[in-house]
N, C-alpha and C. Protein backbone atom coordinates (compact mmCIF):
# COMPACT_ATOMS: atom_id res chain seq x y z
N MET A 1 46.48 96.90 272.35
CA MET A 1 48.32 97.11 273.45
C MET A 1 48.61 95.52 272.08
N SER A 2 49.31 95.63 272.57
CA SER A 2 49.88 93.94 271.83
C SER A 2 51.39 93.59 272.62
N LEU A 3 51.45 92.15 272.19
CA LEU A 3 52.35 91.74 273.34
C LEU A 3 53.69 90.85 272.86
N ALA A 4 54.78 90.97 273.61
CA ALA A 4 55.83 90.21 272.97
C ALA A 4 56.07 89.15 273.90
N GLY A 5 56.88 88.24 273.89
CA GLY A 5 57.57 87.23 274.22
C GLY A 5 58.57 86.41 273.37
N SER A 6 59.44 85.99 274.82
CA SER A 6 61.24 84.98 273.89
C SER A 6 61.57 84.68 274.74
N CYS A 7 61.86 83.25 274.42
CA CYS A 7 62.43 82.20 275.23
C CYS A 7 63.33 83.40 276.08
N HIS A 8 63.97 81.99 276.75
CA HIS A 8 64.92 82.71 277.76
C HIS A 8 66.55 83.05 277.67
N CYS A 9 66.78 82.56 276.48
CA CYS A 9 68.10 83.11 275.85
C CYS A 9 67.15 84.19 274.92
N GLY A 10 66.51 84.62 274.16
CA GLY A 10 66.39 85.70 273.64
C GLY A 10 66.47 85.48 272.25
N ALA A 11 66.87 84.11 271.89
CA ALA A 11 66.94 83.54 270.58
C ALA A 11 65.38 83.41 269.48
N ALA A 12 64.31 83.02 270.02
CA ALA A 12 62.88 82.46 269.69
C ALA A 12 62.18 83.05 269.72
N GLY A 13 60.46 83.40 269.86
CA GLY A 13 59.45 83.65 270.31
C GLY A 13 58.66 84.52 269.48
N TRP A 14 57.83 85.54 269.96
CA TRP A 14 56.66 85.65 269.16
C TRP A 14 56.12 86.88 269.26
N HIS A 15 55.54 87.78 268.47
CA HIS A 15 54.70 89.39 268.84
C HIS A 15 53.18 88.78 268.21
N MET A 16 52.37 89.51 269.13
CA MET A 16 51.05 89.34 268.98
C MET A 16 50.72 90.91 269.01
N ASN A 17 50.00 91.04 268.01
CA ASN A 17 49.40 92.78 267.60
C ASN A 17 48.24 93.18 268.43
N THR A 18 47.52 92.32 268.94
CA THR A 18 46.67 92.16 269.81
C THR A 18 46.46 91.08 271.21
N THR A 19 46.03 91.83 271.81
CA THR A 19 45.26 91.80 272.88
C THR A 19 44.11 90.11 273.62
N PRO A 20 44.88 88.96 273.94
CA PRO A 20 44.17 88.00 274.14
C PRO A 20 42.74 88.20 275.38
N ASP A 21 41.76 87.95 274.97
CA ASP A 21 40.99 87.81 276.42
C ASP A 21 40.70 87.25 277.76
N SER A 22 41.73 85.93 277.19
CA SER A 22 42.25 85.09 278.37
C SER A 22 43.06 84.37 277.46
N ALA A 23 43.51 83.58 278.90
CA ALA A 23 45.02 82.72 278.41
C ALA A 23 44.43 81.76 279.15
N LEU A 24 44.94 80.24 278.78
CA LEU A 24 44.03 79.53 278.19
C LEU A 24 45.33 77.81 279.28
N GLN A 25 44.83 77.49 280.52
CA GLN A 25 45.35 76.54 280.83
C GLN A 25 45.33 74.75 280.26
N CYS A 26 45.42 74.11 279.64
CA CYS A 26 45.66 72.75 279.46
C CYS A 26 45.87 71.39 280.11
N ASN A 27 45.39 70.45 280.39
CA ASN A 27 45.74 69.55 280.66
C ASN A 27 46.00 68.25 280.17
N CYS A 28 46.30 68.28 278.59
CA CYS A 28 46.47 66.95 277.63
C CYS A 28 48.24 66.31 277.68
N THR A 29 47.83 65.64 277.02
CA THR A 29 49.64 64.78 277.13
C THR A 29 50.52 65.43 277.43
N VAL A 30 50.41 66.33 276.36
CA VAL A 30 51.55 67.81 276.18
C VAL A 30 51.19 69.20 276.68
N CYS A 31 50.75 69.44 277.19
CA CYS A 31 50.35 70.68 277.64
C CYS A 31 50.51 70.41 279.57
N ARG A 32 49.91 69.09 280.22
CA ARG A 32 50.59 69.13 281.33
C ARG A 32 52.52 68.47 281.60
N ARG A 33 52.95 68.25 280.62
CA ARG A 33 54.25 68.21 280.87
C ARG A 33 54.73 69.31 280.45
N TYR A 34 54.33 70.29 279.30
CA TYR A 34 55.00 71.88 279.02
C TYR A 34 55.07 73.30 279.96
N ALA A 35 53.60 72.57 280.25
CA ALA A 35 52.92 73.52 281.53
C ALA A 35 52.91 75.37 280.87
N PRO A 36 52.93 76.03 279.06
CA PRO A 36 52.00 76.53 279.00
C PRO A 36 50.71 77.34 279.45
N LEU A 37 50.79 78.46 279.10
CA LEU A 37 49.18 79.13 279.01
C LEU A 37 49.51 80.00 277.85
N TRP A 38 48.24 79.50 276.85
CA TRP A 38 47.99 79.24 275.64
C TRP A 38 46.96 80.69 275.29
N ALA A 39 47.35 81.10 274.42
CA ALA A 39 46.78 81.89 273.82
C ALA A 39 46.07 82.05 271.69
N TYR A 40 45.30 82.60 271.21
CA TYR A 40 45.71 81.72 269.75
C TYR A 40 45.75 83.32 268.37
N GLY A 41 46.59 82.97 267.85
CA GLY A 41 45.81 83.82 266.80
C GLY A 41 46.46 82.68 265.25
N ASP A 42 46.53 83.96 264.42
CA ASP A 42 46.97 83.36 262.70
C ASP A 42 47.91 83.98 262.69
N ALA A 43 49.77 83.16 262.55
CA ALA A 43 51.33 83.39 261.95
C ALA A 43 50.79 84.11 260.56
N GLY A 44 50.84 85.79 260.37
CA GLY A 44 51.40 86.25 259.43
C GLY A 44 50.27 87.20 259.54
N THR A 45 49.17 87.05 260.51
CA THR A 45 48.29 88.73 260.53
C THR A 45 48.32 88.15 261.90
N ASN A 46 47.68 88.09 262.99
CA ASN A 46 48.26 89.04 264.26
C ASN A 46 48.93 88.80 265.45
N VAL A 47 49.68 87.59 264.35
CA VAL A 47 51.11 87.15 265.01
C VAL A 47 52.12 86.71 264.13
N THR A 48 53.43 86.73 265.00
CA THR A 48 54.43 86.35 264.38
C THR A 48 56.00 86.36 265.01
N LEU A 49 56.37 84.69 264.45
CA LEU A 49 57.39 84.58 264.97
C LEU A 49 58.30 84.58 264.89
N PHE A 50 59.18 84.28 265.08
CA PHE A 50 60.54 84.45 264.64
C PHE A 50 61.87 83.64 265.72
N GLY A 51 62.62 83.56 265.09
CA GLY A 51 63.56 82.46 265.64
C GLY A 51 64.41 81.41 265.30
N ASP A 52 65.10 80.69 265.45
CA ASP A 52 65.09 79.15 265.00
C ASP A 52 64.88 78.56 265.77
N THR A 53 63.65 77.70 265.77
CA THR A 53 62.94 76.47 266.07
C THR A 53 63.76 75.07 266.32
N ALA A 54 63.64 74.28 266.45
CA ALA A 54 62.96 72.70 266.89
C ALA A 54 61.37 72.40 266.70
N PHE A 55 61.20 71.38 266.31
CA PHE A 55 59.87 71.36 266.97
C PHE A 55 59.47 69.62 266.56
N TYR A 56 58.76 69.53 267.87
CA TYR A 56 58.01 67.77 267.73
C TYR A 56 56.56 67.89 267.40
N GLN A 57 56.04 66.58 266.69
CA GLN A 57 55.05 66.64 265.80
C GLN A 57 54.23 65.31 266.78
N PRO A 58 53.40 65.44 267.88
CA PRO A 58 52.92 64.23 267.96
C PRO A 58 52.00 63.63 267.37
N GLY A 59 50.89 64.47 266.40
CA GLY A 59 50.49 63.20 265.61
C GLY A 59 49.90 64.29 264.40
N GLU A 60 49.18 64.26 263.26
CA GLU A 60 49.07 64.66 262.29
C GLU A 60 48.86 66.67 262.47
N GLY A 61 48.45 66.42 262.93
CA GLY A 61 47.82 68.15 262.73
C GLY A 61 48.62 69.62 263.72
N LEU A 62 49.91 69.12 264.76
CA LEU A 62 50.55 70.60 265.31
C LEU A 62 51.67 70.00 265.49
N GLU A 63 52.55 71.00 265.67
CA GLU A 63 54.11 70.87 265.76
C GLU A 63 53.95 71.77 266.75
N PHE A 64 54.41 71.48 268.30
CA PHE A 64 55.14 71.47 268.79
C PHE A 64 56.99 72.31 269.02
N HIS A 65 56.30 73.90 268.29
CA HIS A 65 57.88 74.41 268.37
C HIS A 65 58.85 75.25 269.36
N ARG A 66 60.08 74.63 269.72
CA ARG A 66 60.56 75.77 270.98
C ARG A 66 61.88 75.82 270.84
N CYS A 67 62.68 76.33 271.03
CA CYS A 67 63.73 77.42 270.69
C CYS A 67 64.86 76.36 271.06
N ALA A 68 65.44 76.21 269.58
CA ALA A 68 67.00 75.50 269.25
C ALA A 68 68.08 75.21 269.74
N HIS A 69 67.89 76.43 271.13
CA HIS A 69 68.84 76.78 271.24
C HIS A 69 69.14 76.61 272.88
N CYS A 70 67.99 77.23 274.06
CA CYS A 70 67.39 77.21 275.46
C CYS A 70 66.56 75.54 275.56
N GLY A 71 65.36 75.62 274.53
CA GLY A 71 64.79 74.59 274.93
C GLY A 71 63.70 75.18 275.42
N CYS A 72 62.88 76.98 275.20
CA CYS A 72 61.77 76.97 276.11
C CYS A 72 60.72 76.77 274.39
N LEU A 73 59.63 76.25 275.06
CA LEU A 73 58.70 75.98 274.41
C LEU A 73 57.92 77.54 273.71
N VAL A 74 58.20 77.81 272.74
CA VAL A 74 56.74 79.04 272.29
C VAL A 74 55.99 79.64 271.80
N CYS A 75 55.68 78.19 270.88
CA CYS A 75 54.38 78.14 270.55
C CYS A 75 54.02 76.25 269.82
N TRP A 76 52.63 76.17 269.70
CA TRP A 76 52.67 75.21 268.73
C TRP A 76 51.91 75.71 267.54
N ARG A 77 51.93 74.83 266.52
CA ARG A 77 51.39 75.72 264.96
C ARG A 77 51.05 74.24 264.56
N ALA A 78 49.52 75.09 263.56
CA ALA A 78 49.21 74.21 262.79
C ALA A 78 49.75 73.61 261.15
N ILE A 79 49.84 72.48 261.07
CA ILE A 79 51.01 71.32 260.34
C ILE A 79 50.22 72.23 259.01
N ASP A 80 48.98 72.43 258.70
CA ASP A 80 48.35 72.57 257.26
C ASP A 80 47.17 74.59 257.90
N PRO A 81 47.67 75.11 256.32
CA PRO A 81 46.58 76.34 257.25
C PRO A 81 45.11 75.75 256.87
N GLY A 82 44.74 77.15 257.71
CA GLY A 82 43.36 77.27 257.39
C GLY A 82 42.36 78.02 256.37
N GLU A 83 41.14 78.03 256.03
CA GLU A 83 40.72 78.31 254.54
C GLU A 83 41.17 79.69 254.66
N GLN A 84 42.11 80.99 254.91
CA GLN A 84 41.47 81.73 254.69
C GLN A 84 43.63 81.68 254.44
N GLY A 85 44.08 80.50 254.56
CA GLY A 85 45.96 80.27 253.95
C GLY A 85 46.90 80.85 254.95
N PHE A 86 46.04 80.73 256.35
CA PHE A 86 47.20 81.53 257.39
C PHE A 86 47.27 80.14 258.68
N HIS A 87 48.37 79.47 259.06
CA HIS A 87 48.79 78.74 259.99
C HIS A 87 47.86 79.10 261.53
N ARG A 88 47.20 78.70 261.61
CA ARG A 88 46.74 78.45 263.41
C ARG A 88 48.39 78.51 264.05
N VAL A 89 48.36 79.32 265.38
CA VAL A 89 48.89 78.99 266.31
C VAL A 89 48.70 79.29 267.54
N GLY A 90 49.31 78.30 268.49
CA GLY A 90 48.66 79.19 269.97
C GLY A 90 50.37 79.69 270.50
N ILE A 91 50.17 80.53 271.33
CA ILE A 91 51.29 81.08 271.15
C ILE A 91 51.64 80.97 273.11
N ASN A 92 52.51 80.66 273.65
CA ASN A 92 52.94 80.28 275.12
C ASN A 92 53.41 81.41 276.05
N LEU A 93 52.50 82.36 276.86
CA LEU A 93 51.85 83.88 277.04
C LEU A 93 53.31 83.62 278.03
N ARG A 94 53.47 82.42 279.18
CA ARG A 94 54.29 82.23 279.60
C ARG A 94 55.64 83.12 279.30
N LEU A 95 55.75 82.97 278.31
CA LEU A 95 57.50 83.80 277.30
C LEU A 95 57.20 85.76 277.68
N ALA A 96 56.00 86.09 278.20
CA ALA A 96 55.82 87.51 278.25
C ALA A 96 56.24 87.40 279.55
N GLU A 97 56.03 88.97 279.42
CA GLU A 97 56.58 89.73 281.36
C GLU A 97 55.31 89.62 281.66
N PRO A 98 55.84 89.00 283.07
CA PRO A 98 54.15 88.14 283.67
C PRO A 98 52.84 89.61 284.03
N LYS A 99 53.78 90.82 284.32
CA LYS A 99 52.66 91.83 284.20
C LYS A 99 51.94 92.16 283.12
N GLN A 100 52.38 91.85 282.13
CA GLN A 100 51.56 92.12 280.87
C GLN A 100 50.51 91.33 280.09
N ILE A 101 50.36 90.10 281.24
CA ILE A 101 49.63 88.40 281.08
C ILE A 101 48.71 88.50 282.58
N ALA A 102 49.19 89.00 283.80
CA ALA A 102 48.69 89.15 284.84
C ALA A 102 47.01 88.85 285.31
N GLN A 103 46.63 90.49 284.16
CA GLN A 103 45.51 89.95 284.37
C GLN A 103 44.81 89.91 283.64
N LEU A 104 44.59 88.70 283.15
CA LEU A 104 43.87 87.56 282.05
C LEU A 104 43.84 86.82 282.43
N ARG A 105 42.31 86.88 281.92
CA ARG A 105 40.92 85.37 282.59
C ARG A 105 41.63 84.62 282.09
N LEU A 106 41.86 83.55 283.79
CA LEU A 106 42.35 82.43 283.14
C LEU A 106 41.14 80.94 282.40
N ASP A 107 41.61 80.41 281.79
CA ASP A 107 40.65 79.86 281.43
C ASP A 107 40.93 78.16 281.37
N TYR A 108 40.41 76.70 281.74
CA TYR A 108 41.07 76.02 281.26
C TYR A 108 40.06 75.00 280.59
N PHE A 109 41.19 73.77 279.79
CA PHE A 109 40.89 72.90 278.91
C PHE A 109 41.09 71.92 279.49
N ASP A 110 40.12 70.94 280.03
CA ASP A 110 40.75 69.58 279.51
C ASP A 110 40.34 68.84 278.45
N GLY A 111 41.90 68.65 278.36
CA GLY A 111 42.06 67.85 277.43
C GLY A 111 42.99 66.81 277.66
N LEU A 112 42.91 66.16 278.94
CA LEU A 112 42.82 64.16 279.24
C LEU A 112 41.77 63.85 278.93
N THR A 113 40.66 64.47 280.05
CA THR A 113 39.84 63.27 280.16
C THR A 113 38.48 63.57 279.48
N HIS A 114 37.67 64.13 278.64
CA HIS A 114 36.64 64.92 278.35
C HIS A 114 36.76 65.94 277.05
N TRP A 115 37.87 66.48 276.94
CA TRP A 115 38.41 67.51 275.50
C TRP A 115 37.21 68.73 275.89
N VAL A 116 37.01 69.38 276.72
CA VAL A 116 35.90 70.57 276.82
C VAL A 116 36.53 71.40 277.84
N LYS A 117 36.28 72.92 276.91
CA LYS A 117 36.89 74.48 277.23
C LYS A 117 35.76 74.82 278.37
N ASN A 118 36.56 74.75 279.74
CA ASN A 118 35.87 75.68 280.60
C ASN A 118 35.98 76.64 280.54
N GLU A 119 34.92 77.54 280.55
CA GLU A 119 35.25 79.17 279.74
C GLU A 119 35.35 79.96 280.75
N SER A 120 35.56 79.86 282.28
CA SER A 120 36.34 80.41 282.92
C SER A 120 36.23 79.66 284.02
N THR A 121 37.76 80.29 285.16
CA THR A 121 38.33 79.35 285.87
C THR A 121 37.66 79.95 287.48
N GLY A 122 37.64 81.54 287.33
CA GLY A 122 36.94 82.25 288.24
C GLY A 122 38.65 83.18 289.01
N LYS A 123 39.73 82.83 288.38
CA LYS A 123 40.94 83.05 288.91
C LYS A 123 41.82 83.98 287.02
N ILE A 124 42.62 85.00 287.73
CA ILE A 124 42.66 85.45 286.19
C ILE A 124 44.45 84.74 286.33
N VAL A 125 45.59 85.12 285.82
CA VAL A 125 46.57 84.73 285.54
C VAL A 125 47.22 85.02 286.41
N ALA A 126 47.04 85.58 287.15
CA ALA A 126 47.58 86.68 288.59
C ALA A 126 48.45 85.17 289.40
N ASP A 127 47.16 84.58 289.79
CA ASP A 127 47.14 83.46 290.79
C ASP A 127 47.65 82.55 290.42
N ILE A 128 48.12 81.89 289.27
CA ILE A 128 48.48 81.60 289.33
C ILE A 128 50.90 81.34 289.07
N LEU A 129 51.01 82.55 289.37
CA LEU A 129 51.76 83.14 288.92
C LEU A 129 53.05 82.51 289.85
């Protein structure tokens, strides 16, 4: 199954040609402000990004891309390509239709204090929508 998501105005978004195993909720200093649900892939392989975006680069490794028109957070993108030559991306699953992601397992990442992933919260995305 594939997934698609777009910003509020429809000018930017993503397509993912696979279904993620889970959605990740993070509380790092950026994510606690944006409140995304992340799924991961590689731009140019299983994820296609589209539209006019502006980005914020909080450090040396990532850019957070938002729609240049309505401001919705679309994804984060690694600045440097990985060993295979593709840029790692985290797509914001909140841009998908809720029914497409409702049954995904919800994982939690403590990016604020411990930088540790809790593999399962015992919840699904529908529990927080």
